Amino acid sequence: MQLDTNDLTILAAIQQNCRISLETLSEQCSLSVPSVQRRLKRLRDHKVISSEVAIINPDKVGFDMTFIVQVELEREALRQLDEFRKHVNKEPRVQQCYYVTGDADFVLICTAKNMRDFEDLTHQLFFDNANVRRFKTSVVMDRAKVGLEVPV
């Protein structure tokens, strides 16, 4: 799918505020409201816009701790990789999961209410999984920057 400057303007604007009005978007792009609606539909249909969500401050809803976890698997066959992905995708405390190169096979960003909650998560995801060789955890001290914006 080819993106033009108007598409990029729309994408940049909705990354800042997905509740921006069609009228405001049309002004920013110098397009009509129906044209902006068609472009948004096309961007959604082609999965350029994969999701429109509210970003919640975890501290405000009782999830006071964030962890970065590097996971090394025992075996890296496609089936084991897929099983691990499925397992972490089911767990809401795992906010992000990346399959990476280097010393670890996966890097997870996890949130928990407290250390006990995180300990329960480690038992569920790692200790009870025979394919996890080891994992290394870093506790996040400060959320210096958090975002999912793509610079368009």
Protein backbone atom coordinates (compact mmCIF):
# COMPACT_ATOMS: atom_id res chain seq x y z
CA MET A 1 0.00 0.00 0.00
CA GLN A 2 1.38 3.38 -1.00
CA LEU A 3 1.15 6.14 1.61
CA ASP A 4 1.10 9.77 0.56
CA THR A 5 1.71 12.89 2.65
CA ASN A 6 -1.97 13.12 3.59
CA ASP A 7 -1.94 9.53 4.88
CA LEU A 8 1.20 10.29 6.90
CA THR A 9 -0.40 13.44 8.32
CA ILE A 10 -3.44 11.42 9.38
CA LEU A 11 -1.26 8.73 10.94
CA ALA A 12 0.84 11.24 12.86
CA ALA A 13 -2.27 13.00 14.17
CA ILE A 14 -4.11 9.89 15.34
CA GLN A 15 -1.01 8.56 17.08
CA GLN A 16 -1.13 11.67 19.25
CA ASN A 17 -4.90 11.50 19.77
CA CYS A 18 -7.03 8.74 18.24
CA ARG A 19 -10.15 10.67 19.25
CA ILE A 20 -9.28 13.63 17.02
CA SER A 21 -12.32 14.77 15.09
CA LEU A 22 -12.69 14.15 11.38
CA GLU A 23 -13.13 17.89 10.92
CA THR A 24 -9.79 18.63 12.56
CA LEU A 25 -8.09 15.94 10.50
CA SER A 26 -9.62 17.30 7.32
CA GLU A 27 -8.30 20.78 8.17
CA GLN A 28 -4.81 19.44 8.85
CA CYS A 29 -4.77 17.55 5.53
CA SER A 30 -6.72 20.12 3.49
CA LEU A 31 -9.10 17.32 2.50
CA SER A 32 -12.83 16.90 2.82
CA VAL A 33 -14.28 14.97 5.74
CA PRO A 34 -15.51 12.13 3.47
CA SER A 35 -12.03 11.86 1.94
CA VAL A 36 -10.47 11.57 5.41
CA GLN A 37 -13.06 8.92 6.34
CA ARG A 38 -12.18 6.89 3.22
CA ARG A 39 -8.47 7.17 3.97
CA LEU A 40 -8.96 6.06 7.58
CA LYS A 41 -11.02 3.07 6.42
CA ARG A 42 -8.34 2.12 3.89
CA LEU A 43 -5.58 2.45 6.52
CA ARG A 44 -7.55 0.23 8.90
CA ASP A 45 -8.45 -2.30 6.21
CA HIS A 46 -4.79 -2.64 5.18
CA LYS A 47 -3.74 -2.99 8.85
CA VAL A 48 -1.55 0.13 8.70
CA ILE A 49 -3.61 1.11 11.75
CA SER A 50 -3.51 -2.11 13.75
CA SER A 51 -5.32 -0.89 16.86
CA GLU A 52 -6.76 2.21 18.48
CA VAL A 53 -6.44 2.06 22.25
CA ALA A 54 -6.31 4.12 25.41
CA ILE A 55 -2.95 4.05 27.19
CA ILE A 56 -3.52 3.56 30.90
CA ASN A 57 -1.04 4.67 33.55
CA PRO A 58 -0.38 1.37 35.37
CA ASP A 59 0.35 3.12 38.68
CA LYS A 60 -3.16 4.56 38.72
CA VAL A 61 -4.76 1.10 38.48
CA GLY A 62 -2.62 -0.73 41.03
CA PHE A 63 0.18 -2.10 38.83
CA ASP A 64 3.08 -0.39 40.57
CA MET A 65 5.94 -2.44 39.15
CA THR A 66 7.37 -2.93 35.66
CA PHE A 67 9.96 -5.55 34.71
CA ILE A 68 12.12 -6.23 31.69
CA VAL A 69 12.70 -9.96 31.39
CA GLN A 70 15.18 -11.68 29.07
CA VAL A 71 14.21 -15.28 28.39
CA GLU A 72 16.47 -17.98 26.98
CA LEU A 73 14.77 -21.13 25.73
CA GLU A 74 16.19 -24.65 25.88
CA ARG A 75 15.15 -25.45 22.29
CA GLU A 76 14.36 -23.03 19.48
CA ALA A 77 12.40 -25.19 17.09
CA LEU A 78 9.47 -23.42 15.45
CA ARG A 79 6.97 -25.38 17.54
CA GLN A 80 8.63 -24.36 20.82
CA LEU A 81 8.90 -20.73 19.72
CA ASP A 82 5.20 -20.70 18.79
CA GLU A 83 4.23 -22.36 22.07
CA PHE A 84 6.13 -19.75 24.06
CA ARG A 85 4.56 -16.90 22.05
CA LYS A 86 1.07 -18.32 22.59
CA HIS A 87 1.72 -18.74 26.30
CA VAL A 88 2.86 -15.14 26.82
CA ASN A 89 0.13 -13.75 24.54
CA LYS A 90 -2.48 -15.21 26.90
CA GLU A 91 -0.97 -13.42 29.91
CA PRO A 92 -2.24 -9.83 30.35
CA ARG A 93 0.66 -8.87 32.66
CA VAL A 94 2.99 -9.36 29.69
CA GLN A 95 2.60 -6.04 27.91
CA GLN A 96 5.13 -6.59 25.14
CA CYS A 97 7.04 -9.57 23.80
CA TYR A 98 9.93 -9.40 21.36
CA TYR A 99 11.72 -12.29 19.65
CA VAL A 100 15.33 -11.06 19.58
CA THR A 101 18.88 -11.91 18.61
CA GLY A 102 21.71 -12.08 21.13
CA ASP A 103 21.95 -13.79 24.50
CA ALA A 104 18.19 -14.01 25.00
CA ASP A 105 15.55 -15.45 22.71
CA PHE A 106 12.76 -13.19 23.95
CA VAL A 107 12.53 -9.91 25.80
CA LEU A 108 9.32 -9.27 27.73
CA ILE A 109 7.96 -6.10 29.27
CA CYS A 110 5.80 -7.14 32.21
CA THR A 111 3.77 -5.31 34.80
CA ALA A 112 2.75 -6.51 38.24
CA LYS A 113 0.95 -5.21 41.31
CA ASN A 114 3.89 -6.04 43.57
CA MET A 115 6.79 -8.47 43.93
CA ARG A 116 4.50 -11.31 45.03
CA ASP A 117 2.39 -10.83 41.89
CA PHE A 118 5.55 -10.87 39.76
CA GLU A 119 6.79 -13.99 41.53
CA ASP A 120 3.51 -15.70 40.65
CA LEU A 121 3.98 -14.61 37.04
CA THR A 122 7.51 -16.05 36.91
CA HIS A 123 6.28 -19.39 38.21
CA GLN A 124 3.50 -19.48 35.65
CA LEU A 125 5.59 -18.41 32.65
CA PHE A 126 9.08 -19.67 33.39
CA PHE A 127 9.46 -22.16 36.23
CA ASP A 128 6.52 -24.28 35.03
CA ASN A 129 7.83 -24.24 31.43
CA ALA A 130 10.37 -27.02 30.77
CA ASN A 131 11.57 -25.21 27.63
CA VAL A 132 12.76 -22.11 29.54
CA ARG A 133 16.48 -22.53 30.20
CA ARG A 134 16.86 -19.31 32.19
CA PHE A 135 15.50 -15.83 32.54
CA LYS A 136 17.03 -12.59 33.73
CA THR A 137 14.94 -9.81 35.23
CA SER A 138 15.53 -6.09 35.55
CA VAL A 139 13.22 -4.00 37.71
CA VAL A 140 12.25 -0.71 36.11
CA MET A 141 13.11 2.15 38.45
CA ASP A 142 11.55 4.96 36.38
CA ARG A 143 9.44 5.13 33.26
CA ALA A 144 11.56 7.75 31.48
CA LYS A 145 9.77 7.30 28.14
CA VAL A 146 6.91 5.03 27.19
CA GLY A 147 5.34 5.08 23.79
CA LEU A 148 4.28 3.15 20.76
CA GLU A 149 4.36 5.97 18.24
CA VAL A 150 6.06 5.28 14.92
CA PRO A 151 7.80 8.37 13.48
CA VAL A 152 5.96 8.93 10.20
